[in-house]
Amino acid sequence: MNPVIISARSLVSCLVLMTVFGNIAHSDDNQNKAEDKTTWVTSITQIGDSDQFAAATANGLLLREAAVMSFNASDPTALTPIYTHPAAVWCVRSTNDGGTIASVDYRGNLVTYDAKAQKATTHEKAFERWCQAMIVAPDNQHLVAGNEAGKVIVWSLAENKAGKSVELDGHAVTGLAFSPDGTQLAATDGGGHLHLLKWPGLEDAGKIEVSKETLWCVAYVDDGKKLLAGSSDRQLYRLDAQADAKPESVAKGTDWITQIAVSSSGQVAAAEIGGRLHFPSLGATDSMDAKSGIWSLCWNGDQQLFAGTRKDGIVIAGRSWKWSEVKKPEPAKTEPEKPAEESKPAEEPKPDDKPKDEAKPKDDAKAEKPADKPKDDAKPKEEPKPEDKPAEPKAEDKKPEGEQKKNE
């Protein structure tokens, strides 16, 4: 991408990572201190288009009760419990209007939360087994989840029951994404495959082998024409969103690439399980490190990115702006313009520059001097006859010798 020059200066953005330690409210302060050290933030979602966000949590004991929290973008340190799960919460999502928050846990339990009524409903084993991936369908009336057995299941929010489902190839479903036009569903799995399904029928639209190792995440970019996928082989792949696509690596990390988030304007962030963040752009990838492993990513607009970590709660990657002087190009050296010839005043030629015919040669001058007085016995020299004198040119014929030759 070519830099844009604004006047004599340009704006340069720098990524800044800030750690936010969430204060989770518990009745027992001692228990709070003990649990804060091991609390994972496994998933983050924006609640509708508001400044409120929801965060799923877990800890090292996956079958232990966990909670879904809320926080405001202006103060991510204040995490407030909304409802609880009987096991570690792995994914949380919100409908576009913010009316429903849904989450799934390690046991495959689904909890839906009615924001207006402030009521949570638990649907035991709704998705049968542990689900790592769940998203809201384009109609905002359905959830789509993929479980560890390789099954994709659709859940109706209106009817509170499972509907259509499809089994892929037996590998755990690790990532899900809808195309911007809502007609295609992409799913990644533990076998390194990317599955394309038609929506809403879930018909097979293609299967692409991207890697020999697990693909952890997937996202649509370029208005749905392309897909990005992160893998255990440390590569971030880019490919066409069609069955015969040929994947190419666009970035290489130092650990598994397990999370991808795309902002509303197309900003891409990818995270490694070890805590490294990547920001791919045209021709380059900016990177930065968190102090802990990253479990989840969620954009807040285009200038702020929330990351849920294994040890440090929520961290924020933001942009810091500064002025950078732009080197001005040196002006091209130009010769001063000469005045037009017609505007030049006519100069009298210097005596040395006069044509030979007009200048009086010294020898001729001597010849024109009168001879010394002759001796008495010497006759005076005869004056040359008129025809022997150099002819005096007429006014119109009085031209410099050079021009005469030119004319001749």
Protein backbone atom coordinates (compact mmCIF):
# COMPACT_ATOMS: atom_id res chain seq x y z
CA MET A 1 0.00 0.00 0.00
CA ASN A 2 1.42 3.35 -0.98
CA PRO A 3 1.78 5.93 1.81
CA VAL A 4 -0.50 8.94 1.67
CA ILE A 5 1.25 12.28 2.12
CA ILE A 6 -0.76 14.90 3.98
CA SER A 7 0.75 18.34 3.54
CA ALA A 8 4.36 18.16 4.81
CA ARG A 9 3.60 15.45 7.35
CA SER A 10 1.96 12.03 7.49
CA LEU A 11 0.30 10.05 10.25
CA VAL A 12 2.01 6.86 11.38
CA SER A 13 0.08 4.35 13.52
CA CYS A 14 1.71 2.15 16.11
CA LEU A 15 0.14 -0.87 17.75
CA VAL A 16 0.12 -0.72 21.53
CA LEU A 17 -0.72 -3.68 23.75
CA MET A 18 -2.24 -2.93 27.16
CA THR A 19 -3.04 -5.57 29.76
CA VAL A 20 -6.35 -5.24 31.57
CA PHE A 21 -6.81 -7.34 34.68
CA GLY A 22 -10.50 -7.93 35.14
CA ASN A 23 -12.00 -7.65 38.61
CA ILE A 24 -14.49 -10.53 38.75
CA ALA A 25 -17.10 -10.08 41.46
CA HIS A 26 -17.33 -13.00 43.92
CA SER A 27 -18.74 -13.13 47.41
CA ASP A 28 -15.50 -14.52 48.82
CA ASP A 29 -12.54 -12.18 48.22
CA ASN A 30 -10.00 -14.89 48.96
CA GLN A 31 -11.63 -17.17 46.42
CA ASN A 32 -11.63 -14.27 43.96
CA LYS A 33 -7.86 -13.83 44.27
CA ALA A 34 -7.24 -17.55 43.83
CA GLU A 35 -9.47 -17.94 40.80
CA ASP A 36 -8.30 -14.78 39.01
CA LYS A 37 -4.86 -16.35 38.54
CA THR A 38 -6.26 -19.27 36.56
CA THR A 39 -9.28 -17.69 34.82
CA TRP A 40 -9.16 -18.00 31.04
CA VAL A 41 -11.06 -15.66 28.73
CA THR A 42 -11.95 -18.14 26.02
CA SER A 43 -14.31 -16.05 23.85
CA ILE A 44 -15.42 -12.41 23.45
CA THR A 45 -18.36 -10.98 21.51
CA GLN A 46 -19.93 -7.54 21.08
CA ILE A 47 -23.51 -7.35 22.32
CA GLY A 48 -25.40 -5.99 19.33
CA ASP A 49 -23.90 -2.69 18.21
CA SER A 50 -23.56 -1.35 21.76
CA ASP A 51 -20.47 -0.60 23.85
CA GLN A 52 -21.18 -3.70 25.92
CA PHE A 53 -19.29 -6.96 25.39
CA ALA A 54 -19.70 -10.50 26.71
CA ALA A 55 -16.77 -12.75 27.68
CA ALA A 56 -16.77 -16.51 28.19
CA THR A 57 -14.50 -17.87 30.94
CA ALA A 58 -12.96 -21.15 31.98
CA ASN A 59 -10.05 -22.50 34.03
CA GLY A 60 -7.72 -25.47 34.14
CA LEU A 61 -10.54 -27.72 35.43
CA LEU A 62 -12.78 -27.95 32.36
CA LEU A 63 -15.67 -29.67 34.17
CA ARG A 64 -15.83 -26.96 36.81
CA GLU A 65 -18.61 -24.34 36.79
CA ALA A 66 -17.73 -21.23 34.79
CA ALA A 67 -19.40 -17.93 33.94
CA VAL A 68 -20.24 -15.58 31.10
CA MET A 69 -19.29 -12.00 32.00
CA SER A 70 -20.12 -8.57 30.60
CA PHE A 71 -17.94 -5.46 30.39
CA ASN A 72 -18.05 -2.01 28.87
CA ALA A 73 -15.55 -1.07 26.19
CA SER A 74 -14.57 2.03 28.17
CA ASP A 75 -13.61 -0.07 31.22
CA PRO A 76 -12.73 -3.71 30.47
CA THR A 77 -11.38 -4.09 34.02
CA ALA A 78 -14.92 -4.30 35.41
CA LEU A 79 -16.19 -7.80 34.56
CA THR A 80 -19.69 -8.52 35.81
CA PRO A 81 -21.18 -12.07 35.82
CA ILE A 82 -24.32 -12.49 33.70
CA TYR A 83 -24.98 -16.24 34.13
CA THR A 84 -23.14 -19.51 34.76
CA HIS A 85 -22.46 -22.81 32.98
CA PRO A 86 -21.99 -26.25 34.54
CA ALA A 87 -18.63 -26.56 32.70
CA ALA A 88 -15.94 -24.45 31.06
CA VAL A 89 -17.51 -22.01 28.58
CA TRP A 90 -15.83 -22.25 25.20
CA CYS A 91 -17.72 -19.87 22.94
CA VAL A 92 -20.15 -16.94 23.35
CA ARG A 93 -22.10 -15.05 20.66
CA SER A 94 -24.78 -12.35 20.44
CA THR A 95 -27.55 -11.71 17.94
CA ASN A 96 -27.19 -8.51 15.90
CA ASP A 97 -29.85 -6.71 17.92
CA GLY A 98 -28.27 -7.73 21.24
CA GLY A 99 -31.52 -9.36 22.36
CA THR A 100 -30.04 -12.84 22.84
CA ILE A 101 -26.66 -13.99 24.13
CA ALA A 102 -25.80 -17.65 23.53
CA SER A 103 -22.90 -19.75 24.82
CA VAL A 104 -21.74 -23.35 24.64
CA ASP A 105 -19.54 -25.30 27.06
CA TYR A 106 -17.15 -28.24 27.27
CA ARG A 107 -20.01 -30.71 27.71
CA GLY A 108 -22.01 -29.46 24.71
CA ASN A 109 -24.55 -27.60 26.86
CA LEU A 110 -26.13 -24.51 25.30
CA VAL A 111 -27.26 -21.54 27.41
CA THR A 112 -29.38 -18.78 25.85
CA TYR A 113 -29.86 -15.50 27.68
CA ASP A 114 -32.80 -13.17 27.07
CA ALA A 115 -31.30 -9.71 27.61
CA LYS A 116 -34.65 -7.97 28.02
CA ALA A 117 -36.02 -10.46 30.55
CA GLN A 118 -32.54 -11.02 32.02
CA LYS A 119 -33.22 -14.75 32.03
CA ALA A 120 -30.81 -17.60 31.16
CA THR A 121 -32.05 -20.98 29.90
CA THR A 122 -29.82 -24.08 29.85
CA HIS A 123 -30.30 -26.66 27.10
CA GLU A 124 -28.39 -29.73 28.22
CA LYS A 125 -26.40 -31.57 25.56
CA ALA A 126 -27.98 -29.39 22.87
CA PHE A 127 -24.91 -29.92 20.69
CA GLU A 128 -24.23 -33.43 22.03
CA ARG A 129 -20.51 -32.99 22.70
CA TRP A 130 -17.81 -30.37 23.33
CA CYS A 131 -18.08 -27.49 20.86
CA GLN A 132 -15.17 -25.22 20.04
CA ALA A 133 -17.06 -23.21 17.41
CA MET A 134 -20.49 -21.59 17.30
CA ILE A 135 -21.87 -18.62 15.32
CA VAL A 136 -25.17 -16.81 14.77
CA ALA A 137 -26.80 -17.42 11.38
CA PRO A 138 -27.43 -14.45 9.02
CA ASP A 139 -31.18 -14.52 9.83
CA ASN A 140 -30.46 -14.00 13.57
CA GLN A 141 -32.95 -16.80 14.26
CA HIS A 142 -30.55 -19.73 14.32
CA LEU A 143 -27.25 -20.81 15.86
CA VAL A 144 -24.78 -23.07 14.07
CA ALA A 145 -22.29 -25.10 16.11
CA GLY A 146 -19.66 -27.71 15.30
CA ASN A 147 -18.70 -30.38 17.82
CA GLU A 148 -15.65 -32.57 18.43
CA ALA A 149 -17.22 -35.51 16.56
CA GLY A 150 -17.24 -33.54 13.29
CA LYS A 151 -20.94 -32.74 13.32
CA VAL A 152 -22.46 -29.37 12.33
CA ILE A 153 -25.79 -28.70 14.08
CA VAL A 154 -28.34 -25.91 13.55
CA TRP A 155 -30.33 -24.67 16.58
CA SER A 156 -33.56 -22.69 16.28
CA LEU A 157 -33.74 -19.82 18.79
CA ALA A 158 -37.48 -19.43 18.23
CA GLU A 159 -38.29 -23.12 18.77
CA ASN A 160 -35.47 -23.86 21.24
CA LYS A 161 -34.51 -27.09 19.54
CA ALA A 162 -31.99 -28.57 17.11
CA GLY A 163 -32.88 -28.69 13.44
CA LYS A 164 -30.75 -29.69 10.49
CA SER A 165 -27.34 -31.24 10.94
CA VAL A 166 -24.56 -32.69 8.80
CA GLU A 167 -21.60 -34.91 9.62
CA LEU A 168 -18.36 -33.95 7.92
CA ASP A 169 -15.50 -36.48 7.98
CA GLY A 170 -15.15 -37.35 11.65
CA HIS A 171 -12.60 -34.71 12.62
CA ALA A 172 -13.46 -32.14 15.29
CA VAL A 173 -14.98 -28.94 13.90
CA THR A 174 -12.68 -26.11 15.01
CA GLY A 175 -13.92 -23.00 13.20
CA LEU A 176 -17.05 -21.65 11.46
CA ALA A 177 -17.74 -18.57 9.32
CA PHE A 178 -20.56 -17.26 7.12
CA SER A 179 -19.92 -15.49 3.82
CA PRO A 180 -20.98 -11.81 3.77
CA ASP A 181 -23.93 -12.58 1.48
CA GLY A 182 -25.12 -15.32 3.84
CA THR A 183 -25.23 -18.08 1.22
CA GLN A 184 -22.17 -20.11 2.21
CA LEU A 185 -20.84 -21.63 5.43
CA ALA A 186 -17.14 -22.47 5.86
CA ALA A 187 -15.95 -25.00 8.46
CA THR A 188 -12.41 -26.02 9.43
CA ASP A 189 -11.51 -29.31 11.08
CA GLY A 190 -8.81 -31.25 12.88
CA GLY A 191 -7.72 -33.00 9.67
CA GLY A 192 -6.56 -29.80 7.96
CA HIS A 193 -9.64 -29.58 5.73
CA LEU A 194 -11.83 -26.62 4.87
CA HIS A 195 -15.45 -27.58 4.13
CA LEU A 196 -17.83 -25.37 2.12
CA LEU A 197 -21.56 -25.82 2.76
CA LYS A 198 -24.55 -24.14 1.14
CA TRP A 199 -26.79 -22.20 3.51
CA PRO A 200 -29.43 -22.86 4.76
CA GLY A 201 -29.60 -26.38 3.36
CA LEU A 202 -26.08 -27.49 4.50
CA GLU A 203 -25.47 -29.16 1.11
CA ASP A 204 -21.86 -29.99 0.32
CA ALA A 205 -20.23 -27.31 -1.86
CA GLY A 206 -16.63 -28.51 -1.69
CA LYS A 207 -13.82 -29.81 0.48
CA ILE A 208 -10.30 -28.38 0.31
CA GLU A 209 -7.20 -29.90 1.86
CA VAL A 210 -5.34 -26.85 3.12
CA SER A 211 -2.79 -28.50 5.45
CA LYS A 212 -1.70 -31.88 6.78
CA GLU A 213 -2.25 -30.51 10.29
CA THR A 214 -5.27 -29.07 12.15
CA LEU A 215 -6.94 -25.95 10.81
CA TRP A 216 -8.11 -23.95 13.85
CA CYS A 217 -9.94 -20.93 12.45
CA VAL A 218 -11.45 -19.45 9.31
CA ALA A 219 -12.74 -16.04 8.11
CA TYR A 220 -14.05 -14.52 4.88
CA VAL A 221 -12.25 -11.49 3.42
CA ASP A 222 -12.37 -9.43 0.20
CA ASP A 223 -16.19 -9.25 0.19
CA GLY A 224 -16.43 -13.02 0.51
CA LYS A 225 -14.22 -13.85 -2.46
CA LYS A 226 -11.35 -15.12 -0.31
CA LEU A 227 -10.86 -17.14 2.88
CA LEU A 228 -8.18 -17.00 5.57
CA ALA A 229 -7.38 -20.06 7.67
CA GLY A 230 -4.92 -20.59 10.53
CA SER A 231 -3.17 -23.91 11.10
CA SER A 232 -1.10 -25.95 13.55
CA ASP A 233 1.70 -25.83 10.96
CA ARG A 234 2.10 -22.13 11.94
CA GLN A 235 0.89 -20.86 8.57
CA LEU A 236 -1.84 -18.37 7.80
CA TYR A 237 -3.38 -19.49 4.51
CA ARG A 238 -5.32 -17.53 1.91
CA LEU A 239 -7.50 -19.16 -0.75
CA ASP A 240 -10.48 -18.58 -3.00
CA ALA A 241 -13.89 -19.36 -1.51
CA GLN A 242 -14.57 -22.16 -4.00
CA ALA A 243 -14.14 -25.91 -4.21
CA ASP A 244 -11.06 -25.99 -6.49
CA ALA A 245 -9.13 -23.36 -4.53
CA LYS A 246 -5.34 -23.58 -4.16
CA PRO A 247 -4.22 -22.32 -0.74
CA GLU A 248 -1.16 -20.13 -0.37
CA SER A 249 0.65 -19.08 2.78
CA VAL A 250 0.52 -15.34 3.43
CA ALA A 251 2.18 -15.31 6.87
CA LYS A 252 4.15 -17.64 9.10
CA GLY A 253 4.00 -17.61 12.89
CA THR A 254 6.02 -19.18 15.67
CA ASP A 255 3.16 -21.28 17.09
CA TRP A 256 -0.29 -22.59 16.14
CA ILE A 257 -2.45 -19.86 14.58
CA THR A 258 -5.77 -20.44 16.32
CA GLN A 259 -7.78 -17.19 16.03
CA ILE A 260 -8.76 -14.82 13.21
CA ALA A 261 -10.90 -11.70 13.57
CA VAL A 262 -11.95 -9.30 10.79
CA SER A 263 -13.27 -5.81 11.58
CA SER A 264 -16.22 -4.20 9.82
CA SER A 265 -13.84 -2.37 7.46
CA GLY A 266 -11.74 -5.46 6.69
CA GLN A 267 -8.88 -5.11 9.20
CA VAL A 268 -7.49 -8.59 9.88
CA ALA A 269 -5.98 -9.84 13.13
CA ALA A 270 -4.64 -13.36 13.70
CA ALA A 271 -3.42 -14.82 17.00
CA GLU A 272 -1.10 -17.64 17.99
CA ILE A 273 -1.84 -19.90 20.93
CA GLY A 274 1.48 -18.80 22.42
CA GLY A 275 0.45 -15.12 22.59
CA ARG A 276 1.69 -13.52 19.38
CA LEU A 277 -0.61 -11.24 17.38
CA HIS A 278 -0.34 -10.67 13.63
CA PHE A 279 -1.93 -7.91 11.56
CA PRO A 280 -1.66 -8.95 7.90
CA SER A 281 -1.81 -6.21 5.29
CA LEU A 282 -0.90 -5.84 1.64
CA GLY A 283 2.68 -7.01 1.24
CA ALA A 284 3.57 -7.07 4.96
CA THR A 285 2.54 -8.34 8.39
CA ASP A 286 2.94 -6.34 11.59
CA SER A 287 3.29 -8.44 14.75
CA MET A 288 3.33 -7.95 18.52
CA ASP A 289 3.50 -10.14 21.63
CA ALA A 290 1.15 -10.62 24.58
CA LYS A 291 2.47 -11.93 27.88
CA SER A 292 0.14 -14.94 27.80
CA GLY A 293 -1.47 -17.34 25.35
CA ILE A 294 -4.37 -15.87 23.36
CA TRP A 295 -7.71 -17.72 23.33
CA SER A 296 -9.99 -15.24 21.58
CA LEU A 297 -10.13 -12.01 19.52
CA CYS A 298 -12.86 -9.40 19.05
CA TRP A 299 -12.68 -6.03 17.28
CA ASN A 300 -14.24 -2.89 18.73
CA GLY A 301 -14.54 -0.77 15.61
CA ASP A 302 -11.28 -0.54 13.65
CA GLN A 303 -8.93 1.04 16.18
CA GLN A 304 -9.24 -1.31 19.15
CA LEU A 305 -8.91 -5.09 19.48
CA PHE A 306 -9.81 -7.12 22.57
CA ALA A 307 -7.89 -10.34 23.16
CA GLY A 308 -8.86 -12.95 25.73
CA THR A 309 -5.84 -14.67 27.26
CA ARG A 310 -4.97 -17.71 29.32
CA LYS A 311 -3.42 -15.87 32.28
CA ASP A 312 -3.87 -12.12 31.88
CA GLY A 313 -7.60 -11.73 31.40
CA ILE A 314 -8.37 -9.25 28.61
CA VAL A 315 -5.64 -7.36 26.81
CA ILE A 316 -6.19 -4.55 24.34
CA ALA A 317 -4.32 -3.83 21.14
CA GLY A 318 -4.90 -0.25 20.03
CA ARG A 319 -3.49 2.36 17.69
CA SER A 320 -1.32 5.22 18.86
CA TRP A 321 -0.82 8.11 16.46
CA LYS A 322 2.21 10.34 16.04
CA TRP A 323 3.50 12.84 13.51
CA SER A 324 6.22 11.79 11.14
CA GLU A 325 8.09 14.29 9.01
CA VAL A 326 7.92 13.58 5.30
CA LYS A 327 11.08 14.26 3.34
CA LYS A 328 10.31 16.85 0.72
CA PRO A 329 11.65 16.15 -2.76
CA GLU A 330 14.43 18.51 -3.84
CA PRO A 331 13.35 20.97 -6.54
CA ALA A 332 14.80 20.23 -9.95
CA LYS A 333 17.61 22.57 -10.98
CA THR A 334 16.56 24.75 -13.90
CA GLU A 335 18.56 27.19 -15.97
CA PRO A 336 17.33 30.80 -15.81
CA GLU A 337 15.23 31.60 -18.79
CA LYS A 338 16.87 33.79 -21.43
CA PRO A 339 14.90 36.78 -22.62
CA ALA A 340 13.46 36.45 -26.07
CA GLU A 341 15.79 37.64 -28.82
CA GLU A 342 13.35 40.26 -30.03
CA SER A 343 13.35 41.88 -26.63
CA LYS A 344 17.14 42.21 -26.62
CA PRO A 345 18.34 45.72 -27.26
CA ALA A 346 20.58 45.87 -30.27
CA GLU A 347 24.17 46.11 -29.16
CA GLU A 348 26.79 47.97 -31.02
CA PRO A 349 29.53 45.56 -32.00
CA LYS A 350 32.78 46.05 -30.23
CA PRO A 351 35.67 47.31 -32.35
CA ASP A 352 37.37 43.92 -32.21
CA ASP A 353 34.17 42.23 -33.31
CA LYS A 354 33.54 44.43 -36.31
CA PRO A 355 33.69 42.80 -39.70
CA LYS A 356 36.98 43.12 -41.50
CA ASP A 357 35.50 45.41 -44.13
CA GLU A 358 34.43 47.93 -41.51
CA ALA A 359 37.50 47.72 -39.30
CA LYS A 360 40.49 49.66 -40.42
CA PRO A 361 43.41 47.31 -40.63
CA LYS A 362 46.62 48.68 -39.35
CA ASP A 363 48.40 47.83 -42.60
CA ASP A 364 45.77 49.69 -44.59
CA ALA A 365 46.08 52.61 -42.26
CA LYS A 366 49.79 52.68 -42.90
CA ALA A 367 49.17 52.46 -46.62
CA GLU A 368 46.87 55.45 -46.47
CA LYS A 369 49.42 57.56 -44.67
CA PRO A 370 51.14 60.02 -46.98
CA ALA A 371 54.58 58.93 -48.00
CA ASP A 372 57.59 60.61 -46.57
CA LYS A 373 58.53 63.70 -48.35
CA PRO A 374 60.41 62.59 -51.42
CA LYS A 375 63.84 63.68 -52.05
CA ASP A 376 64.19 66.37 -54.53
CA ASP A 377 65.31 63.93 -57.19
CA ALA A 378 62.51 61.51 -56.51
CA LYS A 379 59.19 61.78 -58.14
CA PRO A 380 56.12 61.66 -56.00
CA LYS A 381 54.21 58.41 -56.07
CA GLU A 382 51.24 58.42 -58.26
CA GLU A 383 47.91 58.13 -56.65
CA PRO A 384 46.10 54.95 -57.55
CA LYS A 385 43.59 55.26 -60.24
CA PRO A 386 39.97 55.28 -59.16
CA GLU A 387 39.48 51.79 -60.46
CA ASP A 388 42.34 50.52 -58.26
CA LYS A 389 40.80 51.82 -55.01
CA PRO A 390 38.69 49.45 -53.00
CA ALA A 391 35.14 50.10 -54.03
CA GLU A 392 33.02 51.81 -51.43
CA PRO A 393 29.95 49.67 -51.00
CA LYS A 394 26.60 51.24 -51.43
CA ALA A 395 24.43 51.58 -48.37
CA GLU A 396 22.30 48.57 -49.28
CA ASP A 397 25.36 46.52 -50.19
CA LYS A 398 27.26 47.28 -47.01
CA LYS A 399 27.25 43.82 -45.44
CA PRO A 400 29.73 41.97 -43.28
CA GLU A 401 32.14 39.80 -45.10
CA GLY A 402 30.63 36.68 -43.54
CA GLU A 403 27.18 37.45 -44.88
CA GLN A 404 28.58 38.29 -48.31
CA LYS A 405 30.19 34.89 -48.50
CA LYS A 406 26.99 33.32 -47.34
CA ASN A 407 25.09 35.03 -50.09
CA GLU A 408 27.71 34.08 -52.66
